[in-house]
Amino acid sequence: MRNSLLFGSIVVILVLLVGGYIIHQWMWWLILALLPFILAIFYDAFQTEHSLMRNFPLVARSRWIAEWMRPKIHQYFVETDTEGTPISRIFRSIVYQRSKNVLDTSPFGTLLNVYEEGHEWMNHSIAPLDHHDQEADPRIIIGGPDCKQPYSCSIFNISAMSFGSLSQNAIMALNGGAQIGKFAHNTGEGGISPYHLENEGDLIYQIGTGYFGARAMDGGFSAENFKNTISSPSVKMIELKLSQGAKPGHGGILPAKKVTAEIARIRNIEMGQDVISPPYHKAFSTPTSLLEFIKELRDLSGGKPIGFKLCLGEKSEFLAICKAMKKTGIKPDFIAVDGAEGGTGAAPLEFSNSVGTPYKEALAYVFNALVGFDLQQDIKIIAAGKILTGFHMFKAMALGADICYSARGMMLALGCIQALECNKNTCPVGVATQNPKYTKGLVVTDKKHRVANYHKETVMSFVELISAAGISDLKEIDRSKVFRRIEMNKTQRYDEIYPYITKGCLLEEDTIPGDWQAEMTKASPDSFRPRFLEAFEN
């Protein structure tokens, strides 16, 4: 094949040269048009890096084009409304429709197979309530006994996404939407940029292992820089990130190509290299010192709500934190539970696919643990894990959440088309890129209203759902209200799949449920390491 193409190329060149000389001058233009392809054949035939191109010059290049086009062809021409991943067309469409304030009703019945294993639903009431009589924008007060500046929080908020991962226009549009809709915008671990502050929307300042915004020159925590960062009245809460769903135990990743001079200045880092946050915190190393650090942050902030975010991993480690709460008397004001199905701009494949607990199991466990230690009444729970609709919110609250986060839903409201190029700095709609060629396409004055519309319509759909179920108080939402098909002819309620435990049962040795005893034995307030491992190491 290779020799045939080479021979053919030589023949074509000779024919064109002779023909151009004998026949007419326009043939020379044809030669110039074909010359790049002929040169490509020669280059492919003699290069040594790609065996397929060496054996099939020029022809093998079509494979690159096919690979580039494959995700786009699959999304628009192959996948059904319910099969797309990570978010299916049916849910992408509802976000787009609500953000644009256009018709969001569905004709001709559900597209879902209601007899398929895993299908979930809630039951309505024969005596439903009029949703017009319900609170249109339910709020939850976040702030425990030691909080001096409690925050009235919307039940649906923007999850953590950093400036750097997202463009400046995306950040301004998200925060502008939060300001219009009076809900909260989590900054992500990249610190607070001027674009977070321009529209004066409410902020949840997230502190990751890189301490961006509160970073000392040695990469550790700086109390002075922290105080300066959270001094803005826009900062309503502080969230300490222990881990995130898409890459738990790994640390954040910002590719070097996304690190502009501005981002380097905001984060107090160097340009020209990937920004890899450490997988662990330098400011604490045990459950007890974690809570002491939370108290330090609360004192430095003047009593603003302080909480932490985690993707649940070793269960004994979370129980160790609960034991440390009882030991020290220090409690966070909230805990954000991120599922292993969480999104990110960049993560190793193995971490995204195979590390961490999915959010439903994690959320149920965290709620039960707080109940078992008699802590739940003072600590609000925020859930994150592909929460896009009112029913997603209902399910999260049934499992124990008080409030919900959404990241990818808010990105879709901005105009994200799920191009899956977040890690390449080539996002075609200007959301997850720092390239001005693309970011100029994201018009803040338009997109901020779409974010606000999506929030408003989704909360409204949630209120309509609880009204249909005859629920007037969010506290009435529990696990008995949601059903899942586990087999073709068998269903279970959430409270059967994720059983509750008794309040305070983890405080005494003789009341600990049997399936909790092993993890409780391993948990120590003085170490994240399981007790049996510490004994073995010593």
Protein backbone atom coordinates (compact mmCIF):
# COMPACT_ATOMS: atom_id res chain seq x y z
CA MET A 1 0.00 0.00 0.00
CA ARG A 2 2.73 2.42 1.01
CA ASN A 3 4.82 1.73 -2.13
CA SER A 4 1.76 2.00 -4.35
CA LEU A 5 0.88 5.42 -2.93
CA LEU A 6 4.43 6.66 -3.33
CA PHE A 7 4.59 5.42 -6.90
CA GLY A 8 1.17 6.87 -7.61
CA SER A 9 2.16 10.23 -6.13
CA ILE A 10 5.25 10.40 -8.35
CA VAL A 11 3.17 9.53 -11.40
CA VAL A 12 0.59 12.19 -10.51
CA ILE A 13 3.29 14.82 -10.13
CA LEU A 14 4.87 13.94 -13.49
CA VAL A 15 1.53 13.87 -15.27
CA LEU A 16 0.53 17.21 -13.78
CA LEU A 17 3.87 18.79 -14.61
CA VAL A 18 3.81 17.58 -18.21
CA GLY A 19 0.12 18.35 -18.56
CA GLY A 20 0.53 21.80 -17.11
CA TYR A 21 3.28 22.56 -19.57
CA ILE A 22 1.55 21.07 -22.61
CA ILE A 23 -2.13 21.75 -22.02
CA HIS A 24 -2.82 24.96 -20.16
CA GLN A 25 -1.65 27.27 -17.41
CA TRP A 26 -4.64 26.48 -15.14
CA MET A 27 -3.16 23.06 -14.48
CA TRP A 28 -0.49 24.70 -12.33
CA TRP A 29 -3.21 25.80 -9.93
CA LEU A 30 -4.36 22.20 -9.70
CA ILE A 31 -0.80 21.19 -8.90
CA LEU A 32 -0.63 23.75 -6.09
CA ALA A 33 -3.97 22.49 -4.71
CA LEU A 34 -2.82 18.87 -4.63
CA LEU A 35 0.72 19.55 -3.45
CA PRO A 36 -0.12 19.58 0.33
CA PHE A 37 -1.73 16.15 0.05
CA ILE A 38 1.24 14.77 -1.87
CA LEU A 39 3.69 16.18 0.68
CA ALA A 40 1.58 14.65 3.48
CA ILE A 41 1.86 11.25 1.77
CA PHE A 42 5.64 11.52 1.65
CA TYR A 43 5.84 12.69 5.28
CA ASP A 44 3.54 9.93 6.56
CA ALA A 45 5.44 7.26 4.64
CA PHE A 46 8.80 8.10 6.17
CA GLN A 47 7.90 9.27 9.73
CA THR A 48 8.50 6.72 12.52
CA GLU A 49 6.06 7.64 15.33
CA HIS A 50 2.77 6.30 13.95
CA SER A 51 2.80 2.85 12.40
CA LEU A 52 -0.69 3.13 10.90
CA MET A 53 0.22 6.34 9.05
CA ARG A 54 3.49 4.81 7.88
CA ASN A 55 1.66 1.84 6.39
CA PHE A 56 -1.28 3.81 5.01
CA PRO A 57 -0.06 7.36 4.21
CA LEU A 58 -2.73 10.08 4.18
CA VAL A 59 -5.56 7.54 4.46
CA ALA A 60 -4.79 6.93 8.16
CA ARG A 61 -5.28 10.63 8.90
CA SER A 62 -9.00 10.17 8.39
CA ARG A 63 -8.98 8.16 11.62
CA TRP A 64 -8.05 11.28 13.56
CA ILE A 65 -10.94 13.15 11.99
CA ALA A 66 -13.32 10.29 12.81
CA GLU A 67 -12.14 10.19 16.44
CA TRP A 68 -12.61 13.96 16.75
CA MET A 69 -16.10 13.76 15.26
CA ARG A 70 -17.20 10.61 17.12
CA PRO A 71 -18.49 12.24 20.37
CA LYS A 72 -20.39 14.88 18.42
CA ILE A 73 -21.96 12.39 16.01
CA HIS A 74 -22.85 10.10 18.91
CA GLN A 75 -24.47 12.90 20.93
CA TYR A 76 -26.57 14.33 18.13
CA PHE A 77 -27.33 11.34 15.91
CA VAL A 78 -26.86 8.09 17.87
CA GLU A 79 -27.75 8.39 21.55
CA THR A 80 -31.39 8.36 22.65
CA ASP A 81 -32.94 10.92 24.98
CA THR A 82 -32.31 8.65 27.97
CA GLU A 83 -28.91 7.06 27.19
CA GLY A 84 -26.46 9.99 27.10
CA THR A 85 -23.69 10.18 29.66
CA PRO A 86 -22.74 11.65 32.04
CA ILE A 87 -26.02 13.57 31.67
CA SER A 88 -28.70 12.32 29.30
CA ARG A 89 -30.46 14.45 26.72
CA ILE A 90 -33.73 14.37 28.65
CA PHE A 91 -32.13 16.15 31.60
CA ARG A 92 -29.96 18.46 29.50
CA SER A 93 -33.10 19.56 27.66
CA ILE A 94 -35.03 20.35 30.85
CA VAL A 95 -32.18 22.56 32.07
CA TYR A 96 -31.97 24.38 28.74
CA GLN A 97 -35.73 24.91 28.64
CA ARG A 98 -35.98 26.20 32.19
CA SER A 99 -32.99 28.49 31.80
CA LYS A 100 -34.55 30.04 28.70
CA ASN A 101 -38.04 30.24 30.24
CA VAL A 102 -39.54 28.24 27.39
CA LEU A 103 -42.02 25.35 27.42
CA ASP A 104 -40.69 22.58 29.69
CA THR A 105 -43.63 20.18 29.69
CA SER A 106 -43.40 16.67 28.25
CA PRO A 107 -45.89 15.25 25.68
CA PHE A 108 -47.24 11.72 25.21
CA GLY A 109 -46.03 10.25 28.50
CA THR A 110 -42.68 9.33 30.04
CA LEU A 111 -39.70 8.19 27.98
CA LEU A 112 -38.46 6.14 30.94
CA ASN A 113 -39.09 2.43 31.35
CA VAL A 114 -40.95 2.41 34.65
CA TYR A 115 -40.51 -1.38 34.99
CA GLU A 116 -36.74 -1.21 34.60
CA GLU A 117 -34.56 -2.10 37.58
CA GLY A 118 -33.43 1.10 39.27
CA HIS A 119 -36.44 3.22 38.30
CA GLU A 120 -37.41 5.55 41.15
CA TRP A 121 -40.52 7.55 41.96
CA MET A 122 -42.46 9.28 44.74
CA ASN A 123 -46.13 8.88 45.55
CA HIS A 124 -48.68 11.66 45.44
CA SER A 125 -51.49 12.28 47.90
CA ILE A 126 -55.22 12.05 47.28
CA ALA A 127 -55.33 15.26 49.32
CA PRO A 128 -52.64 17.37 47.62
CA LEU A 129 -51.91 20.96 48.56
CA ASP A 130 -52.12 24.01 46.31
CA HIS A 131 -48.52 24.88 45.49
CA HIS A 132 -49.53 28.54 45.19
CA ASP A 133 -50.11 28.50 48.95
CA GLN A 134 -46.61 27.12 49.65
CA GLU A 135 -43.44 29.12 50.22
CA ALA A 136 -42.11 29.78 46.69
CA ASP A 137 -38.48 30.01 47.81
CA PRO A 138 -37.93 27.78 50.86
CA ARG A 139 -34.91 28.79 52.95
CA ILE A 140 -32.82 26.91 55.51
CA ILE A 141 -30.94 28.66 58.31
CA ILE A 142 -27.33 27.45 58.51
CA GLY A 143 -25.56 28.12 61.78
CA GLY A 144 -25.14 26.05 64.93
CA PRO A 145 -24.91 27.19 68.54
CA ASP A 146 -21.43 28.72 68.09
CA CYS A 147 -22.25 30.59 64.87
CA LYS A 148 -22.65 34.36 65.25
CA GLN A 149 -23.64 35.14 61.64
CA PRO A 150 -26.13 32.44 60.55
CA TYR A 151 -27.06 32.38 56.88
CA SER A 152 -30.52 31.96 55.37
CA CYS A 153 -29.71 29.64 52.46
CA SER A 154 -31.74 28.65 49.41
CA ILE A 155 -32.42 24.93 49.09
CA PHE A 156 -30.74 24.92 45.63
CA ASN A 157 -27.31 26.48 45.07
CA ILE A 158 -24.28 26.58 42.77
CA SER A 159 -21.76 23.87 43.63
CA ALA A 160 -17.99 24.40 43.77
CA MET A 161 -16.39 25.44 40.47
CA SER A 162 -13.19 27.49 40.49
CA PHE A 163 -12.13 30.47 38.43
CA GLY A 164 -9.43 28.89 36.34
CA SER A 165 -11.43 25.78 35.71
CA LEU A 166 -14.23 28.09 34.52
CA SER A 167 -13.78 31.31 32.56
CA GLN A 168 -14.19 34.78 34.00
CA ASN A 169 -17.41 35.23 32.01
CA ALA A 170 -18.80 31.98 33.40
CA ILE A 171 -17.97 33.04 36.96
CA MET A 172 -19.59 36.45 36.49
CA ALA A 173 -22.70 34.90 34.96
CA LEU A 174 -23.03 32.34 37.77
CA ASN A 175 -22.61 34.97 40.46
CA GLY A 176 -24.92 37.36 38.65
CA GLY A 177 -27.55 34.63 38.56
CA ALA A 178 -27.03 33.97 42.28
CA GLN A 179 -27.51 37.67 42.99
CA ILE A 180 -30.73 37.83 40.96
CA GLY A 181 -32.16 34.64 42.48
CA LYS A 182 -30.82 35.18 46.02
CA PHE A 183 -29.05 31.85 46.25
CA ALA A 184 -25.44 30.92 47.05
CA HIS A 185 -22.45 30.49 44.74
CA ASN A 186 -19.63 28.21 45.93
CA THR A 187 -16.28 29.58 44.76
CA GLY A 188 -14.50 26.24 44.39
CA GLU A 189 -11.02 25.83 45.80
CA GLY A 190 -9.41 28.34 43.39
CA GLY A 191 -10.01 31.34 45.65
CA ILE A 192 -12.13 34.45 45.26
CA SER A 193 -11.47 36.38 42.07
CA PRO A 194 -12.71 39.89 41.19
CA TYR A 195 -15.30 38.18 39.00
CA HIS A 196 -16.86 36.51 42.04
CA LEU A 197 -17.38 39.92 43.63
CA GLU A 198 -18.49 42.05 40.69
CA ASN A 199 -22.20 41.18 40.92
CA GLU A 200 -22.27 40.91 44.74
CA GLY A 201 -24.00 37.54 44.77
CA ASP A 202 -23.75 35.46 47.97
CA LEU A 203 -20.57 33.39 48.16
CA ILE A 204 -19.52 30.21 49.91
CA TYR A 205 -15.73 30.46 50.04
CA GLN A 206 -14.17 27.03 49.67
CA ILE A 207 -10.74 26.25 51.11
CA GLY A 208 -8.99 23.29 49.54
CA THR A 209 -5.65 21.68 50.26
CA GLY A 210 -3.90 24.39 48.21
CA TYR A 211 -5.36 27.11 50.51
CA PHE A 212 -5.84 29.45 47.54
CA GLY A 213 -6.95 32.79 48.89
CA ALA A 214 -5.60 31.86 52.32
CA ARG A 215 -2.21 30.62 51.17
CA ALA A 216 1.12 31.35 52.81
CA MET A 217 4.30 31.51 50.76
CA ASP A 218 5.24 27.98 51.84
CA GLY A 219 1.90 26.62 50.58
CA GLY A 220 0.37 26.33 54.03
CA PHE A 221 -2.53 28.20 55.65
CA SER A 222 -2.22 31.94 56.34
CA ALA A 223 -4.64 33.35 58.91
CA GLU A 224 -3.96 36.90 57.72
CA ASN A 225 -4.68 36.11 54.08
CA PHE A 226 -7.79 34.18 55.11
CA LYS A 227 -9.17 37.17 57.02
CA ASN A 228 -8.52 39.46 54.06
CA THR A 229 -10.26 37.09 51.67
CA ILE A 230 -13.42 36.56 53.69
CA SER A 231 -13.76 40.22 54.75
CA SER A 232 -16.12 40.88 51.84
CA PRO A 233 -19.78 41.03 52.91
CA SER A 234 -20.55 38.75 49.93
CA VAL A 235 -18.86 35.84 51.73
CA LYS A 236 -21.63 34.23 53.74
CA MET A 237 -20.10 30.83 54.59
CA ILE A 238 -16.74 29.01 54.51
CA GLU A 239 -16.42 25.42 53.31
CA LEU A 240 -13.30 23.36 54.05
CA LYS A 241 -12.84 20.80 51.28
CA LEU A 242 -11.51 17.46 52.52
CA SER A 243 -12.20 15.65 49.24
CA GLN A 244 -14.39 15.89 46.16
CA GLY A 245 -16.42 13.29 44.35
CA ALA A 246 -14.68 13.04 41.00
CA LYS A 247 -11.19 12.58 42.41
CA PRO A 248 -11.33 11.87 46.15
CA GLY A 249 -7.92 11.56 47.78
CA HIS A 250 -6.18 13.07 44.76
CA GLY A 251 -6.24 16.86 45.07
CA GLY A 252 -7.33 19.44 42.53
CA ILE A 253 -5.83 19.69 39.05
CA LEU A 254 -5.55 22.83 36.93
CA PRO A 255 -3.68 22.16 33.66
CA ALA A 256 -0.80 24.56 32.92
CA LYS A 257 -2.50 25.74 29.71
CA LYS A 258 -5.28 27.23 31.86
CA VAL A 259 -2.94 29.06 34.27
CA THR A 260 -2.95 32.69 33.17
CA ALA A 261 -0.98 35.47 34.87
CA GLU A 262 -4.20 36.59 36.57
CA ILE A 263 -4.97 33.13 37.94
CA ALA A 264 -1.39 32.76 39.16
CA ARG A 265 -1.71 36.07 41.01
CA ILE A 266 -5.06 35.19 42.60
CA ARG A 267 -3.84 31.77 43.73
CA ASN A 268 -0.31 32.91 44.66
CA ILE A 269 1.27 30.26 42.43
CA GLU A 270 3.77 30.07 39.57
CA MET A 271 2.87 30.01 35.88
CA GLY A 272 3.93 27.44 33.32
CA GLN A 273 3.15 24.25 35.22
CA ASP A 274 0.15 22.18 36.24
CA VAL A 275 -1.36 23.27 39.55
CA ILE A 276 -1.69 20.08 41.61
CA SER A 277 -3.20 20.64 45.03
CA PRO A 278 -1.87 18.24 47.68
CA PRO A 279 -4.13 15.27 48.46
CA TYR A 280 -4.11 16.17 52.17
CA HIS A 281 -4.29 19.26 54.40
CA LYS A 282 -1.21 20.67 56.12
CA ALA A 283 -3.25 22.59 58.72
CA PHE A 284 -4.45 19.46 60.55
CA SER A 285 -3.78 15.73 60.67
CA THR A 286 -6.32 14.20 63.06
CA PRO A 287 -10.10 14.41 63.56
CA THR A 288 -9.57 16.50 66.68
CA SER A 289 -7.20 18.94 65.00
CA LEU A 290 -9.65 19.20 62.07
CA LEU A 291 -12.32 20.47 64.43
CA GLU A 292 -9.86 22.79 66.16
CA PHE A 293 -9.06 24.22 62.72
CA ILE A 294 -12.80 24.70 62.08
CA LYS A 295 -13.03 26.63 65.36
CA GLU A 296 -10.05 28.75 64.29
CA LEU A 297 -11.75 29.56 60.98
CA ARG A 298 -14.98 30.44 62.78
CA ASP A 299 -13.16 32.78 65.16
CA LEU A 300 -11.14 34.41 62.37
CA SER A 301 -14.30 34.98 60.32
CA GLY A 302 -16.21 36.61 63.13
CA GLY A 303 -18.58 33.71 63.56
CA LYS A 304 -19.64 32.95 59.98
CA PRO A 305 -20.96 29.43 59.30
CA ILE A 306 -18.09 26.96 58.83
CA GLY A 307 -18.44 23.50 57.39
CA PHE A 308 -16.56 20.84 55.49
CA LYS A 309 -17.10 18.95 52.28
CA LEU A 310 -16.15 15.33 51.64
CA CYS A 311 -16.71 12.39 49.40
CA LEU A 312 -17.26 9.54 51.83
CA GLY A 313 -14.47 6.99 51.81
CA GLU A 314 -13.48 4.92 54.85
CA LYS A 315 -16.57 5.00 57.06
CA SER A 316 -14.50 4.75 60.23
CA GLU A 317 -12.86 8.09 59.37
CA PHE A 318 -16.20 9.91 59.35
CA LEU A 319 -17.16 8.19 62.59
CA ALA A 320 -13.83 9.35 64.00
CA ILE A 321 -14.79 12.94 63.16
CA CYS A 322 -18.14 12.43 64.92
CA LYS A 323 -16.33 11.09 67.98
CA ALA A 324 -14.06 14.13 67.89
CA MET A 325 -17.13 16.39 67.84
CA LYS A 326 -18.40 14.76 71.02
CA LYS A 327 -14.94 14.91 72.59
CA THR A 328 -14.19 18.57 71.81
CA GLY A 329 -17.70 20.01 71.72
CA ILE A 330 -16.77 21.68 68.42
CA LYS A 331 -19.23 21.13 65.58
CA PRO A 332 -19.27 22.33 62.00
CA ASP A 333 -22.34 24.30 60.99
CA PHE A 334 -22.79 22.17 57.88
CA ILE A 335 -21.39 19.15 56.07
CA ALA A 336 -21.45 18.93 52.27
CA VAL A 337 -21.61 15.35 50.99
CA ASP A 338 -20.30 14.90 47.45
CA GLY A 339 -20.93 11.67 45.59
CA ALA A 340 -18.33 9.71 43.65
CA GLU A 341 -20.34 10.56 40.52
CA GLY A 342 -19.38 14.23 40.96
CA GLY A 343 -18.11 16.22 38.00
CA THR A 344 -14.77 17.90 37.44
CA GLY A 345 -12.78 19.58 34.72
CA ALA A 346 -9.88 17.13 35.00
CA ALA A 347 -9.45 13.85 36.86
CA PRO A 348 -7.59 10.57 36.35
CA LEU A 349 -9.99 8.02 34.84
CA GLU A 350 -9.48 5.48 37.62
CA PHE A 351 -10.48 8.04 40.26
CA SER A 352 -13.62 9.16 38.42
CA ASN A 353 -14.74 5.60 37.75
CA SER A 354 -13.62 3.61 40.75
CA VAL A 355 -12.93 5.67 43.89
CA GLY A 356 -15.34 6.96 46.53
CA THR A 357 -18.90 6.25 47.67
CA PRO A 358 -21.83 7.25 45.42
CA TYR A 359 -23.83 10.08 46.91
CA LYS A 360 -26.99 8.19 47.90
CA GLU A 361 -25.16 5.68 50.07
CA ALA A 362 -22.86 8.41 51.39
CA LEU A 363 -25.68 10.82 52.20
CA ALA A 364 -27.72 8.18 54.02
CA TYR A 365 -24.66 7.10 56.01
CA VAL A 366 -23.64 10.62 57.02
CA PHE A 367 -27.17 11.46 58.14
CA ASN A 368 -27.44 8.22 60.13
CA ALA A 369 -24.06 8.78 61.77
CA LEU A 370 -25.04 12.28 62.90
CA VAL A 371 -28.34 10.92 64.26
CA GLY A 372 -26.51 8.08 66.01
CA PHE A 373 -24.19 10.56 67.74
CA ASP A 374 -27.08 12.94 68.50
CA LEU A 375 -25.50 15.69 66.37
CA GLN A 376 -27.94 15.99 63.51
CA GLN A 377 -30.05 18.81 64.96
CA ASP A 378 -27.09 21.24 64.99
CA ILE A 379 -25.51 20.40 61.61
CA LYS A 380 -27.11 21.00 58.22
CA ILE A 381 -26.30 18.62 55.35
CA ILE A 382 -25.73 19.76 51.77
CA ALA A 383 -25.94 17.14 49.02
CA ALA A 384 -24.15 17.13 45.66
CA GLY A 385 -24.31 14.45 42.97
CA LYS A 386 -25.88 15.17 39.55
CA ILE A 387 -28.83 17.02 41.11
CA LEU A 388 -30.64 18.65 38.20
CA THR A 389 -34.40 18.58 38.82
CA GLY A 390 -36.97 19.01 41.57
CA PHE A 391 -37.29 15.25 41.94
CA HIS A 392 -33.51 14.91 42.33
CA MET A 393 -33.78 17.43 45.17
CA PHE A 394 -36.67 15.51 46.74
CA LYS A 395 -34.67 12.27 46.72
CA ALA A 396 -31.64 13.98 48.30
CA MET A 397 -33.79 15.45 51.06
CA ALA A 398 -35.44 12.09 51.65
CA LEU A 399 -31.99 10.63 52.30
CA GLY A 400 -31.12 13.37 54.80
CA ALA A 401 -30.06 16.50 52.94
CA ASP A 402 -31.32 19.93 53.99
CA ILE A 403 -29.92 21.75 50.95
CA CYS A 404 -28.71 20.82 47.46
CA TYR A 405 -25.78 21.81 45.27
CA SER A 406 -25.65 21.63 41.48
CA ALA A 407 -22.55 22.18 39.35
CA ARG A 408 -23.24 20.61 35.96
CA GLY A 409 -26.85 21.80 36.02
CA MET A 410 -25.65 25.38 36.41
CA MET A 411 -23.07 24.86 33.66
CA LEU A 412 -25.80 23.64 31.32
CA ALA A 413 -27.82 26.76 32.19
CA LEU A 414 -24.78 28.79 31.09
CA GLY A 415 -24.89 27.08 27.70
CA CYS A 416 -22.64 24.02 28.24
CA ILE A 417 -23.28 21.49 25.45
CA GLN A 418 -21.46 18.59 27.17
CA ALA A 419 -18.66 18.72 24.62
CA LEU A 420 -16.42 16.91 27.16
CA GLU A 421 -13.48 19.24 26.51
CA CYS A 422 -13.29 20.81 29.99
CA ASN A 423 -9.70 19.60 30.46
CA LYS A 424 -8.41 20.83 27.08
CA ASN A 425 -9.01 24.60 27.34
CA THR A 426 -11.10 24.32 24.15
CA CYS A 427 -14.64 24.51 25.55
CA PRO A 428 -16.57 25.73 22.48
CA VAL A 429 -19.12 27.75 24.46
CA GLY A 430 -16.64 29.59 26.68
CA VAL A 431 -17.58 27.98 30.00
CA ALA A 432 -14.59 25.80 30.92
CA THR A 433 -11.74 27.61 29.17
CA GLN A 434 -9.41 30.57 29.52
CA ASN A 435 -9.09 31.10 25.77
CA PRO A 436 -10.52 34.54 24.84
CA LYS A 437 -11.48 33.16 21.42
CA TYR A 438 -14.13 31.05 23.15
CA THR A 439 -14.96 33.06 26.27
CA LYS A 440 -16.16 36.03 24.21
CA GLY A 441 -19.10 33.89 23.09
CA LEU A 442 -20.47 33.72 26.65
CA VAL A 443 -22.42 36.95 27.16
CA VAL A 444 -22.75 37.59 30.88
CA THR A 445 -25.78 39.89 30.68
CA ASP A 446 -27.77 37.11 29.03
CA LYS A 447 -26.43 34.02 30.80
CA LYS A 448 -26.84 35.33 34.34
CA HIS A 449 -30.58 35.53 33.77
CA ARG A 450 -30.57 31.97 32.44
CA VAL A 451 -28.87 30.78 35.63
CA ALA A 452 -31.46 32.63 37.73
CA ASN A 453 -34.31 31.24 35.61
CA TYR A 454 -33.05 27.67 35.97
CA HIS A 455 -32.79 28.05 39.73
CA LYS A 456 -36.26 29.58 40.05
CA GLU A 457 -37.99 27.03 37.82
CA THR A 458 -36.26 24.05 39.47
CA VAL A 459 -37.17 25.20 42.98
CA MET A 460 -40.72 25.78 41.73
CA SER A 461 -40.87 22.23 40.37
CA PHE A 462 -39.72 20.95 43.77
CA VAL A 463 -42.45 22.95 45.53
CA GLU A 464 -45.03 21.53 43.11
CA LEU A 465 -43.82 18.00 43.88
CA ILE A 466 -44.07 18.34 47.66
CA SER A 467 -47.49 19.95 47.23
CA ALA A 468 -48.65 16.98 45.15
CA ALA A 469 -47.47 14.72 47.99
CA GLY A 470 -49.43 16.74 50.56
CA ILE A 471 -46.25 17.96 52.27
CA SER A 472 -46.28 21.43 53.80
CA ASP A 473 -43.04 21.26 55.83
CA LEU A 474 -39.67 20.11 54.49
CA LYS A 475 -39.16 18.11 57.69
CA GLU A 476 -41.94 15.77 56.53
CA ILE A 477 -39.76 14.52 53.66
CA ASP A 478 -38.24 11.20 54.67
CA ARG A 479 -37.07 7.93 53.13
CA SER A 480 -40.51 6.35 53.18
CA LYS A 481 -41.61 8.78 50.46
CA VAL A 482 -39.34 7.44 47.68
CA PHE A 483 -39.58 4.06 45.94
CA ARG A 484 -37.11 2.11 43.78
CA ARG A 485 -37.74 -0.89 41.57
CA ILE A 486 -35.12 -3.47 42.54
CA GLU A 487 -36.51 -6.25 40.35
CA MET A 488 -39.13 -6.50 37.62
CA ASN A 489 -41.87 -7.36 40.14
CA LYS A 490 -40.37 -6.01 43.37
CA THR A 491 -40.00 -2.50 44.79
CA GLN A 492 -38.64 -1.09 48.03
CA ARG A 493 -38.88 2.20 49.83
CA TYR A 494 -35.73 4.18 50.56
CA ASP A 495 -36.12 3.49 54.28
CA GLU A 496 -35.96 -0.24 53.50
CA ILE A 497 -32.90 0.15 51.28
CA TYR A 498 -31.20 2.69 53.59
CA PRO A 499 -32.59 1.90 57.07
CA TYR A 500 -32.59 4.59 59.77
CA ILE A 501 -30.81 4.09 63.07
CA THR A 502 -31.97 5.22 66.50
CA LYS A 503 -31.05 8.67 67.81
CA GLY A 504 -28.03 8.49 70.13
CA CYS A 505 -27.46 4.75 69.57
CA LEU A 506 -23.76 5.25 68.74
CA LEU A 507 -22.98 6.92 72.05
CA GLU A 508 -23.06 3.76 74.17
CA GLU A 509 -21.28 0.48 73.47
CA ASP A 510 -24.30 -1.69 74.20
CA THR A 511 -26.64 0.23 71.86
CA ILE A 512 -24.46 0.26 68.74
CA PRO A 513 -26.22 -1.61 65.89
CA GLY A 514 -24.45 -4.80 64.84
CA ASP A 515 -23.59 -3.61 61.34
CA TRP A 516 -21.97 -0.46 62.78
CA GLN A 517 -19.79 -2.11 65.42
CA ALA A 518 -16.78 -2.94 63.26
CA GLU A 519 -16.39 0.61 61.93
CA MET A 520 -17.06 2.11 65.37
CA THR A 521 -14.31 -0.06 66.84
CA LYS A 522 -11.83 1.24 64.28
CA ALA A 523 -12.76 4.93 64.77
CA SER A 524 -10.69 7.14 67.06
CA PRO A 525 -11.03 10.91 67.62
CA ASP A 526 -7.25 11.16 67.76
CA SER A 527 -6.41 9.62 64.39
CA PHE A 528 -7.82 9.08 60.92
CA ARG A 529 -6.00 5.74 60.87
CA PRO A 530 -8.12 2.76 61.94
CA ARG A 531 -7.27 1.63 65.46
CA PHE A 532 -6.22 -1.87 64.44
CA LEU A 533 -3.74 -0.43 61.91
CA GLU A 534 -2.24 1.90 64.51
CA ALA A 535 -1.85 -1.00 66.92
CA PHE A 536 -0.20 -3.08 64.22
CA GLU A 537 2.18 -0.26 63.24
CA ASN A 538 3.16 0.36 66.85
